[in-house]
Amino acid sequence: MKKFLVKLMAPAVALALVMTATTTATPAEAATGNQGYAVYRDGVFFGYTWHSAFLDDPHWNTTSSPVIHQAGSGYVTWASWSSFLGGKNYVGTYRPKTAATSANRDNFQYMARLLRNEQIGYNVAYQVYYDTSTVGTWVDASEVSSMRCDGVVEYVYEWYGFRVYGSDTRWDVTKGDYWNRDAHGGAAVTPKSQAQSYLTLVTTSLP
């Protein structure tokens, strides 16, 4: 429990700093609708897997850029619904196995925006990549050098202790360790298996 208390203090301190300078990483109000949940569409690698994003707004048509994702080019960023779908089929909205409160989802939204603000590049091999020689006990957003789309989802949820993929000893992708980083790489987990095997389906309708 103590390690999570230490870990959870970081975004609270960062949030206070962010609020004095900008509102881009700060949730405006309590999460509603499907805000704070992961969304998925099909059609990646010739249908082998899916593409994931994080719903930053209550519904897909709330604003012009309702999702935060790593599209595979450039940085983790906000995107329009049509850009996220890319002409493919929407397959579902998913939440952590452990139900999240509105306050939890506020935290998810905050962390996804923080990842976006860090301008993190793409890495096809690892969910979350960082320098293991310089990282601390926990991988802060500023220490992430690159990540996959499913890494955005995994990082956001697991930073707050909501387990997604991994063994009992290596499930937390935000814990800084070479073997932990490696366990979340390759095809061991994909966006499709992440959703279907390690998250809970909320709806298959547009969120």
Protein backbone atom coordinates (compact mmCIF):
# COMPACT_ATOMS: atom_id res chain seq x y z
CA MET A 1 0.00 0.00 0.00
CA LYS A 2 2.82 2.41 0.88
CA LYS A 3 4.37 2.26 -2.58
CA PHE A 4 1.05 3.28 -4.17
CA LEU A 5 0.64 6.16 -1.72
CA VAL A 6 4.08 7.44 -2.73
CA LYS A 7 3.33 6.86 -6.38
CA LEU A 8 -0.05 8.57 -6.23
CA MET A 9 1.43 11.70 -4.68
CA ALA A 10 3.31 12.49 -7.89
CA PRO A 11 0.33 13.43 -10.08
CA ALA A 12 -1.24 15.38 -7.23
CA VAL A 13 1.88 17.54 -6.92
CA ALA A 14 2.16 17.81 -10.69
CA LEU A 15 -1.49 18.78 -10.96
CA ALA A 16 -0.98 21.68 -8.57
CA LEU A 17 1.92 22.88 -10.70
CA VAL A 18 0.02 22.42 -13.94
CA MET A 19 -2.97 24.38 -12.66
CA THR A 20 -0.77 27.41 -12.09
CA ALA A 21 0.46 27.43 -15.67
CA THR A 22 -2.02 25.73 -18.00
CA THR A 23 -5.32 23.88 -18.07
CA THR A 24 -4.44 21.46 -20.87
CA ALA A 25 -3.73 18.58 -18.49
CA THR A 26 -6.43 19.31 -15.96
CA PRO A 27 -9.91 17.70 -16.01
CA ALA A 28 -12.50 20.47 -15.87
CA GLU A 29 -15.10 18.54 -13.88
CA ALA A 30 -16.10 15.10 -12.61
CA ALA A 31 -15.95 12.41 -15.29
CA THR A 32 -19.26 11.65 -16.99
CA GLY A 33 -20.45 9.41 -19.81
CA ASN A 34 -17.59 7.19 -20.97
CA GLN A 35 -14.84 9.64 -20.08
CA GLY A 36 -11.75 7.86 -18.81
CA TYR A 37 -12.42 4.60 -20.64
CA ALA A 38 -10.46 2.97 -23.45
CA VAL A 39 -11.93 2.74 -26.96
CA TYR A 40 -10.92 0.33 -29.73
CA ARG A 41 -11.33 -0.13 -33.47
CA ASP A 42 -10.29 -3.02 -35.71
CA GLY A 43 -8.23 -3.25 -38.89
CA VAL A 44 -4.62 -3.20 -37.69
CA PHE A 45 -1.96 -5.42 -39.31
CA PHE A 46 -4.45 -6.82 -41.83
CA GLY A 47 -7.04 -7.47 -39.14
CA TYR A 48 -4.67 -9.24 -36.73
CA THR A 49 -5.18 -6.74 -33.95
CA TRP A 50 -6.93 -3.49 -32.99
CA HIS A 51 -6.05 0.13 -32.36
CA SER A 52 -6.73 1.71 -28.96
CA ALA A 53 -7.28 5.21 -27.65
CA PHE A 54 -8.34 6.92 -24.47
CA LEU A 55 -11.68 8.74 -24.41
CA ASP A 56 -10.92 12.22 -23.13
CA ASP A 57 -14.52 13.45 -23.43
CA PRO A 58 -17.81 11.97 -22.18
CA HIS A 59 -18.87 10.88 -25.69
CA TRP A 60 -17.29 10.49 -29.10
CA ASN A 61 -19.04 13.60 -30.53
CA THR A 62 -18.53 15.96 -27.56
CA THR A 63 -15.67 17.90 -29.17
CA SER A 64 -13.67 17.89 -32.39
CA SER A 65 -10.87 15.87 -30.73
CA PRO A 66 -12.37 13.52 -28.15
CA VAL A 67 -9.60 10.92 -27.94
CA ILE A 68 -5.95 10.74 -26.91
CA HIS A 69 -3.91 8.09 -28.69
CA GLN A 70 -0.60 7.03 -30.20
CA ALA A 71 -1.39 6.68 -33.88
CA GLY A 72 1.97 5.17 -34.83
CA SER A 73 3.38 8.36 -36.31
CA GLY A 74 4.40 11.46 -34.43
CA TYR A 75 3.52 11.79 -30.76
CA VAL A 76 0.79 10.79 -28.32
CA THR A 77 -1.87 13.33 -29.22
CA TRP A 78 -5.51 14.36 -29.28
CA ALA A 79 -7.42 13.19 -32.35
CA SER A 80 -10.80 13.45 -34.03
CA TRP A 81 -13.12 10.47 -33.96
CA SER A 82 -12.80 10.00 -37.72
CA SER A 83 -9.01 10.10 -37.46
CA PHE A 84 -9.05 7.49 -34.71
CA LEU A 85 -11.35 5.19 -36.69
CA GLY A 86 -9.49 5.65 -39.97
CA GLY A 87 -12.33 4.12 -41.93
CA LYS A 88 -12.33 0.95 -39.79
CA ASN A 89 -14.98 -0.52 -37.49
CA TYR A 90 -15.51 0.52 -33.90
CA VAL A 91 -15.40 -2.56 -31.68
CA GLY A 92 -15.97 -1.36 -28.14
CA THR A 93 -15.48 0.76 -25.06
CA TYR A 94 -13.61 -0.93 -22.20
CA ARG A 95 -12.87 -0.17 -18.55
CA PRO A 96 -10.53 -1.78 -15.99
CA LYS A 97 -11.64 -5.08 -14.45
CA THR A 98 -11.94 -3.26 -11.15
CA ALA A 99 -14.72 -0.70 -11.51
CA ALA A 100 -13.51 2.90 -11.43
CA THR A 101 -15.25 5.79 -9.69
CA SER A 102 -15.81 9.19 -11.28
CA ALA A 103 -12.84 10.46 -9.25
CA ASN A 104 -10.70 7.59 -10.57
CA ARG A 105 -11.67 8.51 -14.11
CA ASP A 106 -10.73 12.12 -13.45
CA ASN A 107 -7.27 10.82 -12.57
CA PHE A 108 -7.16 8.70 -15.74
CA GLN A 109 -8.04 11.74 -17.82
CA TYR A 110 -5.39 13.83 -16.11
CA MET A 111 -2.66 11.23 -16.74
CA ALA A 112 -3.62 10.70 -20.39
CA ARG A 113 -3.36 14.45 -20.94
CA LEU A 114 -0.01 14.50 -19.19
CA LEU A 115 1.30 11.81 -21.55
CA ARG A 116 0.03 13.89 -24.45
CA ASN A 117 1.81 16.98 -23.14
CA GLU A 118 5.12 15.08 -22.97
CA GLN A 119 5.12 14.56 -26.77
CA ILE A 120 6.00 10.86 -26.47
CA GLY A 121 6.98 9.11 -29.69
CA TYR A 122 6.00 5.69 -31.06
CA ASN A 123 7.56 2.29 -30.32
CA VAL A 124 6.21 -0.84 -31.99
CA ALA A 125 8.20 -3.25 -29.80
CA TYR A 126 7.26 -2.09 -26.29
CA GLN A 127 4.09 -0.86 -24.66
CA VAL A 128 6.14 1.66 -22.69
CA TYR A 129 9.83 2.32 -23.36
CA TYR A 130 12.30 4.19 -21.14
CA ASP A 131 15.96 4.20 -20.16
CA THR A 132 16.30 1.60 -17.40
CA SER A 133 19.65 3.03 -16.32
CA THR A 134 18.21 6.39 -15.31
CA VAL A 135 14.57 5.69 -14.40
CA GLY A 136 13.42 5.79 -10.79
CA THR A 137 11.27 3.23 -8.98
CA TRP A 138 8.26 4.45 -10.95
CA VAL A 139 8.34 5.56 -14.58
CA ASP A 140 7.13 9.16 -14.58
CA ALA A 141 5.50 10.45 -17.77
CA SER A 142 8.56 12.64 -18.37
CA GLU A 143 10.78 9.53 -18.39
CA VAL A 144 8.82 7.71 -21.11
CA SER A 145 10.62 8.06 -24.43
CA SER A 146 8.18 6.09 -26.61
CA MET A 147 5.08 3.92 -26.37
CA ARG A 148 2.44 1.99 -28.30
CA CYS A 149 -1.27 2.75 -28.42
CA ASP A 150 -2.04 -0.04 -25.92
CA GLY A 151 0.76 1.34 -23.78
CA VAL A 152 -1.15 4.59 -23.35
CA VAL A 153 -4.11 2.68 -21.93
CA GLU A 154 -1.97 0.39 -19.77
CA TYR A 155 0.15 3.21 -18.38
CA VAL A 156 -2.84 5.36 -17.44
CA TYR A 157 -4.72 2.58 -15.65
CA GLU A 158 -1.78 0.93 -13.95
CA TRP A 159 -0.27 4.18 -12.67
CA TYR A 160 -3.30 4.32 -10.39
CA GLY A 161 -3.13 0.63 -9.45
CA PHE A 162 -5.79 -0.68 -11.84
CA ARG A 163 -4.19 -3.87 -13.10
CA VAL A 164 -4.47 -4.70 -16.79
CA TYR A 165 -1.96 -7.14 -18.34
CA GLY A 166 0.86 -9.09 -16.73
CA SER A 167 1.90 -11.62 -14.11
CA ASP A 168 1.42 -11.09 -10.40
CA THR A 169 4.99 -9.81 -10.12
CA ARG A 170 5.31 -7.89 -13.40
CA TRP A 171 1.88 -6.47 -14.22
CA ASP A 172 2.58 -2.80 -13.47
CA VAL A 173 3.97 -1.26 -16.65
CA THR A 174 4.77 1.96 -14.74
CA LYS A 175 7.30 0.26 -12.46
CA GLY A 176 10.82 1.00 -13.65
CA ASP A 177 12.70 -2.23 -14.28
CA TYR A 178 14.36 -3.90 -17.30
CA TRP A 179 12.51 -7.19 -16.93
CA ASN A 180 9.24 -5.45 -16.24
CA ARG A 181 9.64 -3.35 -19.37
CA ASP A 182 10.50 -6.45 -21.40
CA ALA A 183 7.46 -8.35 -20.09
CA HIS A 184 5.24 -5.73 -21.74
CA GLY A 185 6.79 -6.04 -25.17
CA GLY A 186 6.35 -7.79 -28.48
CA ALA A 187 3.19 -9.78 -29.10
CA ALA A 188 2.83 -10.91 -25.47
CA VAL A 189 0.02 -8.37 -25.32
CA THR A 190 -1.68 -6.52 -28.16
CA PRO A 191 -4.46 -3.92 -28.21
CA LYS A 192 -6.94 -6.68 -29.06
CA SER A 193 -5.85 -9.10 -26.34
CA GLN A 194 -5.58 -6.21 -23.89
CA ALA A 195 -9.24 -5.36 -24.40
CA GLN A 196 -10.69 -8.85 -24.70
CA SER A 197 -8.66 -10.61 -22.01
CA TYR A 198 -7.71 -7.97 -19.45
CA LEU A 199 -10.40 -5.28 -19.51
CA THR A 200 -14.19 -5.27 -19.13
CA LEU A 201 -16.48 -4.38 -22.03
CA VAL A 202 -18.72 -1.37 -21.37
CA THR A 203 -20.48 -1.12 -24.73
CA THR A 204 -20.06 -1.98 -28.40
CA SER A 205 -22.11 1.04 -29.41
CA LEU A 206 -20.44 4.38 -30.06
CA PRO A 207 -19.58 5.69 -26.60
